[in-house]
Amino acid sequence: MAHNPCRLRWGLAALVQVQPDHRNHRRNTPMKASILVLLLAAATAAQAANEIDTKVEAALAAESRPEADRERDRNRRPSDTLNFFGMKDDMRVLELLPGGGWYTRVLAPVLAENGKLYVSLGTNTVKERILNQSGFENVELLENSANIHRDELSRVYVVEDFEFGVSDLDMVVTFRNLHNFDPDSRARMNRQVFKSLKSGGLYGVVDHTRRHMESANDENRRRIDPVMVIKELLNQGFEFVAYSDLHYRADDELEYEVGRRSVTGNTDRFTMLFRKP
């Protein structure tokens, strides 16, 4: 729920302006001042979150968005997800593997005025259908020499050595993609993500949950073990920052393929944040 920053500031000020006992006045004043500083900082953070929320809401309301995208808004919870990642509208952000561009249509307007959005790997659809539209002129497509192909035997994708060609990014995000690649390819991508981020840069990951240490089968091939994802990213040098249950679904038993009619749109997804030291 959004907070009114002005009302919050007045409320916090009132909280610390309690009439003191004169004998404890000097002792209490520094503590009250410290509390006020901390609480006002929290109010400022809430205001910053509200600012990105407004831009996300405007992007979701854009007339150019397909109806199929709108139907996923409630399930994907973009404002909550991007706030969990700590995204600000003045960041340089890379969307890795944008797919059909659902998030591209949200991220580009949010970052258009003060920040910068890059997209890379698996960009054919957004290049042909989105980036040539009004309002997406400032999105930069990072062409690279990566050779992505599907291994017909394992039915997962393989990406060869590549580089993004950018550095000092504030954030990289990827949504429901890591499960599509073999371990070596994930290592190549995550290595380049680490390289492209500035120190303190953030990496936000959302993906379909697989049972821990469950062997691959036809039903779980588009899911991935979150513990394995954490381990792989720690191995690349990332710090694990936080986990969110934003996309937890108690009634997804992690048993069926994510495209099955009984599961699709209601899959349990893990939402995690990592940082480059």
C-alpha atoms as a PDB file:
ATOM      1  CA  MET A   1       0.000   0.000   0.000  1.00  0.00           C
ATOM      2  CA  ALA A   2       1.354   3.425  -0.963  1.00  0.00           C
ATOM      3  CA  HIS A   3       2.015   5.948   1.790  1.00  0.00           C
ATOM      4  CA  ASN A   4       1.501   9.692   1.708  1.00  0.00           C
ATOM      5  CA  PRO A   5       5.068  10.972   2.393  1.00  0.00           C
ATOM      6  CA  CYS A   6       3.916  14.374   3.686  1.00  0.00           C
ATOM      7  CA  ARG A   7       1.416  12.839   6.092  1.00  0.00           C
ATOM      8  CA  LEU A   8       4.047  10.323   7.138  1.00  0.00           C
ATOM      9  CA  ARG A   9       6.583  13.054   7.892  1.00  0.00           C
ATOM     10  CA  TRP A  10       4.084  14.992  10.032  1.00  0.00           C
ATOM     11  CA  GLY A  11       3.171  11.817  11.883  1.00  0.00           C
ATOM     12  CA  LEU A  12       6.801  10.985  12.577  1.00  0.00           C
ATOM     13  CA  ALA A  13       7.524  14.499  13.769  1.00  0.00           C
ATOM     14  CA  ALA A  14       4.587  14.310  16.144  1.00  0.00           C
ATOM     15  CA  LEU A  15       5.818  10.971  17.415  1.00  0.00           C
ATOM     16  CA  VAL A  16       9.076  12.424  18.722  1.00  0.00           C
ATOM     17  CA  GLN A  17       7.698  15.738  19.964  1.00  0.00           C
ATOM     18  CA  VAL A  18       6.401  14.386  23.247  1.00  0.00           C
ATOM     19  CA  GLN A  19       6.878  16.760  26.170  1.00  0.00           C
ATOM     20  CA  PRO A  20       9.901  15.471  28.109  1.00  0.00           C
ATOM     21  CA  ASP A  21      10.493  15.312  31.816  1.00  0.00           C
ATOM     22  CA  HIS A  22      12.850  18.304  32.399  1.00  0.00           C
ATOM     23  CA  ARG A  23      15.241  16.103  34.313  1.00  0.00           C
ATOM     24  CA  ASN A  24      15.693  13.825  31.293  1.00  0.00           C
ATOM     25  CA  HIS A  25      15.551  16.488  28.609  1.00  0.00           C
ATOM     26  CA  ARG A  26      19.252  16.591  27.776  1.00  0.00           C
ATOM     27  CA  ARG A  27      19.553  12.841  27.897  1.00  0.00           C
ATOM     28  CA  ASN A  28      16.516  12.227  25.645  1.00  0.00           C
ATOM     29  CA  THR A  29      17.040  14.937  23.037  1.00  0.00           C
ATOM     30  CA  PRO A  30      19.912  13.242  21.124  1.00  0.00           C
ATOM     31  CA  MET A  31      17.975   9.976  21.039  1.00  0.00           C
ATOM     32  CA  LYS A  32      14.855  11.722  19.738  1.00  0.00           C
ATOM     33  CA  ALA A  33      16.872  13.505  17.087  1.00  0.00           C
ATOM     34  CA  SER A  34      18.362  10.200  15.932  1.00  0.00           C
ATOM     35  CA  ILE A  35      14.941   8.576  15.786  1.00  0.00           C
ATOM     36  CA  LEU A  36      13.587  11.489  13.783  1.00  0.00           C
ATOM     37  CA  VAL A  37      16.448  11.277  11.279  1.00  0.00           C
ATOM     38  CA  LEU A  38      15.907   7.528  10.785  1.00  0.00           C
ATOM     39  CA  LEU A  39      12.164   7.842  10.417  1.00  0.00           C
ATOM     40  CA  LEU A  40      12.383  10.738   8.009  1.00  0.00           C
ATOM     41  CA  ALA A  41      14.843   8.678   5.944  1.00  0.00           C
ATOM     42  CA  ALA A  42      12.240   5.924   5.845  1.00  0.00           C
ATOM     43  CA  ALA A  43       9.660   8.466   4.687  1.00  0.00           C
ATOM     44  CA  THR A  44      11.997   9.618   1.919  1.00  0.00           C
ATOM     45  CA  ALA A  45      12.496   6.011   0.812  1.00  0.00           C
ATOM     46  CA  ALA A  46       8.731   5.530   0.739  1.00  0.00           C
ATOM     47  CA  GLN A  47       8.386   8.631  -1.415  1.00  0.00           C
ATOM     48  CA  ALA A  48      11.028   7.309  -3.855  1.00  0.00           C
ATOM     49  CA  ALA A  49       9.150   4.032  -4.098  1.00  0.00           C
ATOM     50  CA  ASN A  50       5.942   5.927  -4.760  1.00  0.00           C
ATOM     51  CA  GLU A  51       7.617   7.800  -7.607  1.00  0.00           C
ATOM     52  CA  ILE A  52       8.573   4.611  -9.442  1.00  0.00           C
ATOM     53  CA  ASP A  53       5.141   3.149  -8.660  1.00  0.00           C
ATOM     54  CA  THR A  54       3.520   6.050 -10.470  1.00  0.00           C
ATOM     55  CA  LYS A  55       5.657   5.444 -13.535  1.00  0.00           C
ATOM     56  CA  VAL A  56       5.002   1.711 -13.470  1.00  0.00           C
ATOM     57  CA  GLU A  57       1.262   2.333 -13.231  1.00  0.00           C
ATOM     58  CA  ALA A  58       1.444   4.737 -16.179  1.00  0.00           C
ATOM     59  CA  ALA A  59       3.347   2.144 -18.229  1.00  0.00           C
ATOM     60  CA  LEU A  60       0.752  -0.516 -17.402  1.00  0.00           C
ATOM     61  CA  ALA A  61      -2.036   1.838 -18.476  1.00  0.00           C
ATOM     62  CA  ALA A  62      -0.478   2.653 -21.856  1.00  0.00           C
ATOM     63  CA  GLU A  63      -2.940   2.200 -24.710  1.00  0.00           C
ATOM     64  CA  SER A  64      -0.321   0.431 -26.822  1.00  0.00           C
ATOM     65  CA  ARG A  65      -0.038  -2.522 -24.435  1.00  0.00           C
ATOM     66  CA  PRO A  66      -1.549  -5.753 -25.784  1.00  0.00           C
ATOM     67  CA  GLU A  67      -4.529  -7.157 -23.914  1.00  0.00           C
ATOM     68  CA  ALA A  68      -2.602 -10.395 -23.368  1.00  0.00           C
ATOM     69  CA  ASP A  69      -0.004  -8.404 -21.415  1.00  0.00           C
ATOM     70  CA  ARG A  70      -2.658  -6.744 -19.273  1.00  0.00           C
ATOM     71  CA  GLU A  71      -4.077 -10.099 -18.280  1.00  0.00           C
ATOM     72  CA  ARG A  72      -0.763 -10.950 -16.608  1.00  0.00           C
ATOM     73  CA  ASP A  73      -0.433  -7.747 -14.550  1.00  0.00           C
ATOM     74  CA  ARG A  74      -1.966  -9.087 -11.361  1.00  0.00           C
ATOM     75  CA  ASN A  75       0.072 -12.283 -11.492  1.00  0.00           C
ATOM     76  CA  ARG A  76       3.407 -10.626 -12.214  1.00  0.00           C
ATOM     77  CA  ARG A  77       3.096  -7.729  -9.731  1.00  0.00           C
ATOM     78  CA  PRO A  78       5.634  -5.459 -11.438  1.00  0.00           C
ATOM     79  CA  SER A  79       5.572  -2.582  -8.927  1.00  0.00           C
ATOM     80  CA  ASP A  80       6.198  -4.896  -5.973  1.00  0.00           C
ATOM     81  CA  THR A  81       8.858  -6.830  -7.865  1.00  0.00           C
ATOM     82  CA  LEU A  82      10.819  -3.795  -9.061  1.00  0.00           C
ATOM     83  CA  ASN A  83      10.627  -2.165  -5.631  1.00  0.00           C
ATOM     84  CA  PHE A  84      11.969  -5.359  -4.083  1.00  0.00           C
ATOM     85  CA  PHE A  85      14.877  -5.182  -6.525  1.00  0.00           C
ATOM     86  CA  GLY A  86      15.471  -1.570  -5.455  1.00  0.00           C
ATOM     87  CA  MET A  87      15.025  -0.112  -8.916  1.00  0.00           C
ATOM     88  CA  LYS A  88      15.099   3.688  -9.281  1.00  0.00           C
ATOM     89  CA  ASP A  89      14.148   5.628 -12.367  1.00  0.00           C
ATOM     90  CA  ASP A  90      17.668   7.039 -12.827  1.00  0.00           C
ATOM     91  CA  MET A  91      19.419   3.670 -13.085  1.00  0.00           C
ATOM     92  CA  ARG A  92      21.213   2.085 -16.033  1.00  0.00           C
ATOM     93  CA  VAL A  93      19.454  -1.268 -16.300  1.00  0.00           C
ATOM     94  CA  LEU A  94      19.976  -4.298 -18.526  1.00  0.00           C
ATOM     95  CA  GLU A  95      17.068  -6.637 -19.170  1.00  0.00           C
ATOM     96  CA  LEU A  96      18.563 -10.029 -19.958  1.00  0.00           C
ATOM     97  CA  LEU A  97      16.551 -12.226 -22.348  1.00  0.00           C
ATOM     98  CA  PRO A  98      13.484  -9.982 -22.747  1.00  0.00           C
ATOM     99  CA  GLY A  99      11.514 -12.613 -24.666  1.00  0.00           C
ATOM    100  CA  GLY A 100       8.164 -11.236 -25.809  1.00  0.00           C
ATOM    101  CA  GLY A 101       8.844  -7.904 -24.133  1.00  0.00           C
ATOM    102  CA  TRP A 102       6.295  -7.930 -21.312  1.00  0.00           C
ATOM    103  CA  TYR A 103       8.747  -6.296 -18.918  1.00  0.00           C
ATOM    104  CA  THR A 104      10.384  -4.235 -21.661  1.00  0.00           C
ATOM    105  CA  ARG A 105       7.088  -2.378 -22.086  1.00  0.00           C
ATOM    106  CA  VAL A 106       7.184  -1.567 -18.363  1.00  0.00           C
ATOM    107  CA  LEU A 107      10.869  -0.850 -17.852  1.00  0.00           C
ATOM    108  CA  ALA A 108      11.407   1.425 -20.855  1.00  0.00           C
ATOM    109  CA  PRO A 109       8.870   4.107 -19.789  1.00  0.00           C
ATOM    110  CA  VAL A 110      10.038   3.956 -16.163  1.00  0.00           C
ATOM    111  CA  LEU A 111      13.664   4.610 -17.153  1.00  0.00           C
ATOM    112  CA  ALA A 112      13.060   6.832 -20.192  1.00  0.00           C
ATOM    113  CA  GLU A 113      13.429  10.243 -18.546  1.00  0.00           C
ATOM    114  CA  ASN A 114      16.283   9.799 -16.080  1.00  0.00           C
ATOM    115  CA  GLY A 115      17.803   6.380 -16.683  1.00  0.00           C
ATOM    116  CA  LYS A 116      18.681   3.968 -19.459  1.00  0.00           C
ATOM    117  CA  LEU A 117      17.383   0.542 -20.509  1.00  0.00           C
ATOM    118  CA  TYR A 118      19.466  -1.990 -22.398  1.00  0.00           C
ATOM    119  CA  VAL A 119      18.252  -5.350 -23.717  1.00  0.00           C
ATOM    120  CA  SER A 120      20.422  -8.273 -24.700  1.00  0.00           C
ATOM    121  CA  LEU A 121      20.189 -11.945 -25.751  1.00  0.00           C
ATOM    122  CA  GLY A 122      16.971 -13.320 -27.181  1.00  0.00           C
ATOM    123  CA  THR A 123      15.979  -9.876 -28.454  1.00  0.00           C
ATOM    124  CA  ASN A 124      14.462 -10.704 -31.857  1.00  0.00           C
ATOM    125  CA  THR A 125      10.857 -10.229 -30.752  1.00  0.00           C
ATOM    126  CA  VAL A 126      11.362  -6.911 -28.966  1.00  0.00           C
ATOM    127  CA  LYS A 127      13.480  -5.652 -31.840  1.00  0.00           C
ATOM    128  CA  GLU A 128      10.778  -6.411 -34.400  1.00  0.00           C
ATOM    129  CA  ARG A 129       7.652  -5.555 -32.392  1.00  0.00           C
ATOM    130  CA  ILE A 130       8.515  -3.035 -29.676  1.00  0.00           C
ATOM    131  CA  LEU A 131      11.728  -1.077 -30.115  1.00  0.00           C
ATOM    132  CA  ASN A 132      10.472   0.494 -33.345  1.00  0.00           C
ATOM    133  CA  GLN A 133       7.439   1.958 -31.565  1.00  0.00           C
ATOM    134  CA  SER A 134       7.098   5.472 -30.196  1.00  0.00           C
ATOM    135  CA  GLY A 135       8.392   5.754 -26.638  1.00  0.00           C
ATOM    136  CA  PHE A 136      11.037   3.051 -27.005  1.00  0.00           C
ATOM    137  CA  GLU A 137      13.580   5.013 -29.037  1.00  0.00           C
ATOM    138  CA  ASN A 138      16.024   5.270 -26.125  1.00  0.00           C
ATOM    139  CA  VAL A 139      16.170   1.540 -25.419  1.00  0.00           C
ATOM    140  CA  GLU A 140      19.558   0.279 -26.530  1.00  0.00           C
ATOM    141  CA  LEU A 141      19.835  -3.147 -28.122  1.00  0.00           C
ATOM    142  CA  LEU A 142      23.158  -4.740 -27.251  1.00  0.00           C
ATOM    143  CA  GLU A 143      24.159  -6.763 -30.272  1.00  0.00           C
ATOM    144  CA  ASN A 144      26.774  -9.386 -29.503  1.00  0.00           C
ATOM    145  CA  SER A 145      28.345 -12.434 -31.033  1.00  0.00           C
ATOM    146  CA  ALA A 146      26.555 -14.900 -28.786  1.00  0.00           C
ATOM    147  CA  ASN A 147      25.421 -18.003 -30.605  1.00  0.00           C
ATOM    148  CA  ILE A 148      22.255 -19.271 -28.940  1.00  0.00           C
ATOM    149  CA  HIS A 149      20.969 -22.616 -30.114  1.00  0.00           C
ATOM    150  CA  ARG A 150      18.813 -25.377 -28.750  1.00  0.00           C
ATOM    151  CA  ASP A 151      20.234 -28.754 -27.887  1.00  0.00           C
ATOM    152  CA  GLU A 152      17.622 -31.063 -29.386  1.00  0.00           C
ATOM    153  CA  LEU A 153      18.627 -33.954 -27.148  1.00  0.00           C
ATOM    154  CA  SER A 154      18.326 -32.127 -23.826  1.00  0.00           C
ATOM    155  CA  ARG A 155      15.837 -29.514 -25.120  1.00  0.00           C
ATOM    156  CA  VAL A 156      17.683 -26.738 -23.298  1.00  0.00           C
ATOM    157  CA  TYR A 157      19.405 -23.754 -24.863  1.00  0.00           C
ATOM    158  CA  VAL A 158      23.134 -23.228 -25.162  1.00  0.00           C
ATOM    159  CA  VAL A 159      24.846 -19.862 -25.362  1.00  0.00           C
ATOM    160  CA  GLU A 160      28.441 -19.582 -26.530  1.00  0.00           C
ATOM    161  CA  ASP A 161      31.030 -17.111 -25.212  1.00  0.00           C
ATOM    162  CA  PHE A 162      30.008 -13.464 -25.584  1.00  0.00           C
ATOM    163  CA  GLU A 163      30.231 -10.029 -23.958  1.00  0.00           C
ATOM    164  CA  PHE A 164      27.539  -7.425 -23.370  1.00  0.00           C
ATOM    165  CA  GLY A 165      29.914  -4.604 -24.250  1.00  0.00           C
ATOM    166  CA  VAL A 166      28.776  -2.309 -21.415  1.00  0.00           C
ATOM    167  CA  SER A 167      30.072  -1.707 -17.907  1.00  0.00           C
ATOM    168  CA  ASP A 168      29.154   0.054 -14.671  1.00  0.00           C
ATOM    169  CA  LEU A 169      25.477  -0.910 -14.892  1.00  0.00           C
ATOM    170  CA  ASP A 170      23.340  -0.293 -11.823  1.00  0.00           C
ATOM    171  CA  MET A 171      21.131  -3.331 -12.294  1.00  0.00           C
ATOM    172  CA  VAL A 172      20.490  -6.426 -14.397  1.00  0.00           C
ATOM    173  CA  VAL A 173      17.125  -8.194 -14.312  1.00  0.00           C
ATOM    174  CA  THR A 174      15.887 -11.421 -15.852  1.00  0.00           C
ATOM    175  CA  PHE A 175      12.444 -12.953 -15.595  1.00  0.00           C
ATOM    176  CA  ARG A 176      11.781 -16.710 -15.945  1.00  0.00           C
ATOM    177  CA  ASN A 177      14.782 -17.400 -18.166  1.00  0.00           C
ATOM    178  CA  LEU A 178      17.590 -19.218 -16.374  1.00  0.00           C
ATOM    179  CA  HIS A 179      15.702 -22.525 -16.471  1.00  0.00           C
ATOM    180  CA  ASN A 180      16.016 -22.558 -20.274  1.00  0.00           C
ATOM    181  CA  PHE A 181      19.803 -22.955 -20.284  1.00  0.00           C
ATOM    182  CA  ASP A 182      22.320 -25.624 -19.403  1.00  0.00           C
ATOM    183  CA  PRO A 183      24.683 -25.026 -16.438  1.00  0.00           C
ATOM    184  CA  ASP A 184      27.628 -23.957 -18.605  1.00  0.00           C
ATOM    185  CA  SER A 185      25.484 -21.414 -20.440  1.00  0.00           C
ATOM    186  CA  ARG A 186      24.093 -20.015 -17.187  1.00  0.00           C
ATOM    187  CA  ALA A 187      27.664 -19.660 -15.966  1.00  0.00           C
ATOM    188  CA  ARG A 188      28.628 -17.723 -19.110  1.00  0.00           C
ATOM    189  CA  MET A 189      25.650 -15.386 -18.791  1.00  0.00           C
ATOM    190  CA  ASN A 190      26.063 -14.821 -15.059  1.00  0.00           C
ATOM    191  CA  ARG A 191      29.775 -14.185 -15.517  1.00  0.00           C
ATOM    192  CA  GLN A 192      29.014 -11.452 -18.033  1.00  0.00           C
ATOM    193  CA  VAL A 193      26.319 -10.010 -15.770  1.00  0.00           C
ATOM    194  CA  PHE A 194      28.883  -9.757 -12.977  1.00  0.00           C
ATOM    195  CA  LYS A 195      31.380  -8.138 -15.340  1.00  0.00           C
ATOM    196  CA  SER A 196      28.860  -5.568 -16.619  1.00  0.00           C
ATOM    197  CA  LEU A 197      27.719  -4.371 -13.179  1.00  0.00           C
ATOM    198  CA  LYS A 198      29.413  -1.666 -11.163  1.00  0.00           C
ATOM    199  CA  SER A 199      30.535  -2.420  -7.629  1.00  0.00           C
ATOM    200  CA  GLY A 200      27.342  -2.492  -5.589  1.00  0.00           C
ATOM    201  CA  GLY A 201      25.284  -3.228  -8.711  1.00  0.00           C
ATOM    202  CA  LEU A 202      22.234  -5.465  -8.327  1.00  0.00           C
ATOM    203  CA  TYR A 203      21.038  -8.591 -10.107  1.00  0.00           C
ATOM    204  CA  GLY A 204      17.334  -9.444  -9.819  1.00  0.00           C
ATOM    205  CA  VAL A 205      16.160 -12.928 -10.756  1.00  0.00           C
ATOM    206  CA  VAL A 206      12.671 -14.446 -11.027  1.00  0.00           C
ATOM    207  CA  ASP A 207      12.109 -18.033 -12.149  1.00  0.00           C
ATOM    208  CA  HIS A 208       9.827 -21.059 -11.861  1.00  0.00           C
ATOM    209  CA  THR A 209      10.587 -23.177  -8.803  1.00  0.00           C
ATOM    210  CA  ARG A 210      11.801 -26.765  -9.059  1.00  0.00           C
ATOM    211  CA  ARG A 211      12.004 -29.079  -6.061  1.00  0.00           C
ATOM    212  CA  HIS A 212      15.429 -29.018  -4.481  1.00  0.00           C
ATOM    213  CA  MET A 213      17.796 -31.629  -5.969  1.00  0.00           C
ATOM    214  CA  GLU A 214      15.054 -33.193  -8.095  1.00  0.00           C
ATOM    215  CA  SER A 215      16.395 -34.868 -11.232  1.00  0.00           C
ATOM    216  CA  ALA A 216      15.358 -33.400 -14.556  1.00  0.00           C
ATOM    217  CA  ASN A 217      12.270 -34.876 -16.194  1.00  0.00           C
ATOM    218  CA  ASP A 218       9.650 -33.920 -18.777  1.00  0.00           C
ATOM    219  CA  GLU A 219       7.516 -32.150 -16.186  1.00  0.00           C
ATOM    220  CA  ASN A 220      10.147 -29.975 -14.505  1.00  0.00           C
ATOM    221  CA  ARG A 221      12.330 -29.027 -17.466  1.00  0.00           C
ATOM    222  CA  ARG A 222      11.090 -25.417 -17.361  1.00  0.00           C
ATOM    223  CA  ARG A 223      11.687 -25.083 -13.645  1.00  0.00           C
ATOM    224  CA  ILE A 224      14.955 -24.578 -11.775  1.00  0.00           C
ATOM    225  CA  ASP A 225      16.171 -25.315  -8.260  1.00  0.00           C
ATOM    226  CA  PRO A 226      16.493 -21.974  -6.399  1.00  0.00           C
ATOM    227  CA  VAL A 227      19.229 -23.360  -4.156  1.00  0.00           C
ATOM    228  CA  MET A 228      21.258 -24.224  -7.243  1.00  0.00           C
ATOM    229  CA  VAL A 229      20.737 -20.697  -8.604  1.00  0.00           C
ATOM    230  CA  ILE A 230      22.057 -19.213  -5.365  1.00  0.00           C
ATOM    231  CA  LYS A 231      25.065 -21.534  -5.424  1.00  0.00           C
ATOM    232  CA  GLU A 232      25.857 -20.715  -9.053  1.00  0.00           C
ATOM    233  CA  LEU A 233      25.711 -16.981  -8.446  1.00  0.00           C
ATOM    234  CA  LEU A 234      27.796 -17.182  -5.288  1.00  0.00           C
ATOM    235  CA  ASN A 235      30.370 -19.072  -7.351  1.00  0.00           C
ATOM    236  CA  GLN A 236      30.488 -16.107  -9.749  1.00  0.00           C
ATOM    237  CA  GLY A 237      31.284 -13.756  -6.871  1.00  0.00           C
ATOM    238  CA  PHE A 238      27.834 -12.338  -6.144  1.00  0.00           C
ATOM    239  CA  GLU A 239      26.518 -11.692  -2.659  1.00  0.00           C
ATOM    240  CA  PHE A 240      23.056 -13.003  -1.845  1.00  0.00           C
ATOM    241  CA  VAL A 241      20.968 -10.027  -0.679  1.00  0.00           C
ATOM    242  CA  ALA A 242      17.377 -11.133  -0.197  1.00  0.00           C
ATOM    243  CA  TYR A 243      14.539 -13.475  -1.111  1.00  0.00           C
ATOM    244  CA  SER A 244      10.892 -12.499  -1.575  1.00  0.00           C
ATOM    245  CA  ASP A 245       7.767 -14.645  -1.554  1.00  0.00           C
ATOM    246  CA  LEU A 246       5.956 -12.211  -3.872  1.00  0.00           C
ATOM    247  CA  HIS A 247       5.322 -14.988  -6.362  1.00  0.00           C
ATOM    248  CA  TYR A 248       4.917 -17.888  -3.953  1.00  0.00           C
ATOM    249  CA  ARG A 249       1.972 -20.132  -4.828  1.00  0.00           C
ATOM    250  CA  ALA A 250       0.973 -22.639  -2.163  1.00  0.00           C
ATOM    251  CA  ASP A 251      -1.213 -24.604  -4.572  1.00  0.00           C
ATOM    252  CA  ASP A 252       1.571 -25.213  -7.085  1.00  0.00           C
ATOM    253  CA  GLU A 253       2.847 -28.621  -6.006  1.00  0.00           C
ATOM    254  CA  LEU A 254       5.968 -28.227  -8.203  1.00  0.00           C
ATOM    255  CA  GLU A 255       4.918 -31.409  -9.952  1.00  0.00           C
ATOM    256  CA  TYR A 256       3.682 -30.349 -13.370  1.00  0.00           C
ATOM    257  CA  GLU A 257       5.089 -28.642 -16.442  1.00  0.00           C
ATOM    258  CA  VAL A 258       4.559 -24.879 -16.198  1.00  0.00           C
ATOM    259  CA  GLY A 259       2.598 -24.799 -19.438  1.00  0.00           C
ATOM    260  CA  ARG A 260      -0.083 -27.218 -18.287  1.00  0.00           C
ATOM    261  CA  ARG A 261      -3.540 -25.669 -18.151  1.00  0.00           C
ATOM    262  CA  SER A 262      -3.897 -26.471 -14.439  1.00  0.00           C
ATOM    263  CA  VAL A 263      -0.636 -24.674 -13.604  1.00  0.00           C
ATOM    264  CA  THR A 264       0.078 -21.959 -16.150  1.00  0.00           C
ATOM    265  CA  GLY A 265      -0.345 -18.464 -14.754  1.00  0.00           C
ATOM    266  CA  ASN A 266      -0.163 -19.832 -11.224  1.00  0.00           C
ATOM    267  CA  THR A 267       3.322 -21.261 -10.971  1.00  0.00           C
ATOM    268  CA  ASP A 268       5.377 -20.866  -7.830  1.00  0.00           C
ATOM    269  CA  ARG A 269       8.280 -18.549  -8.655  1.00  0.00           C
ATOM    270  CA  PHE A 270      11.244 -17.549  -6.542  1.00  0.00           C
ATOM    271  CA  THR A 271      12.274 -13.887  -6.518  1.00  0.00           C
ATOM    272  CA  MET A 272      15.849 -13.177  -5.440  1.00  0.00           C
ATOM    273  CA  LEU A 273      18.278 -10.290  -5.329  1.00  0.00           C
ATOM    274  CA  PHE A 274      22.061 -10.464  -5.592  1.00  0.00           C
ATOM    275  CA  ARG A 275      24.778  -7.804  -5.438  1.00  0.00           C
ATOM    276  CA  LYS A 276      28.244  -7.411  -6.897  1.00  0.00           C
ATOM    277  CA  PRO A 277      30.604  -6.523  -4.017  1.00  0.00           C
END
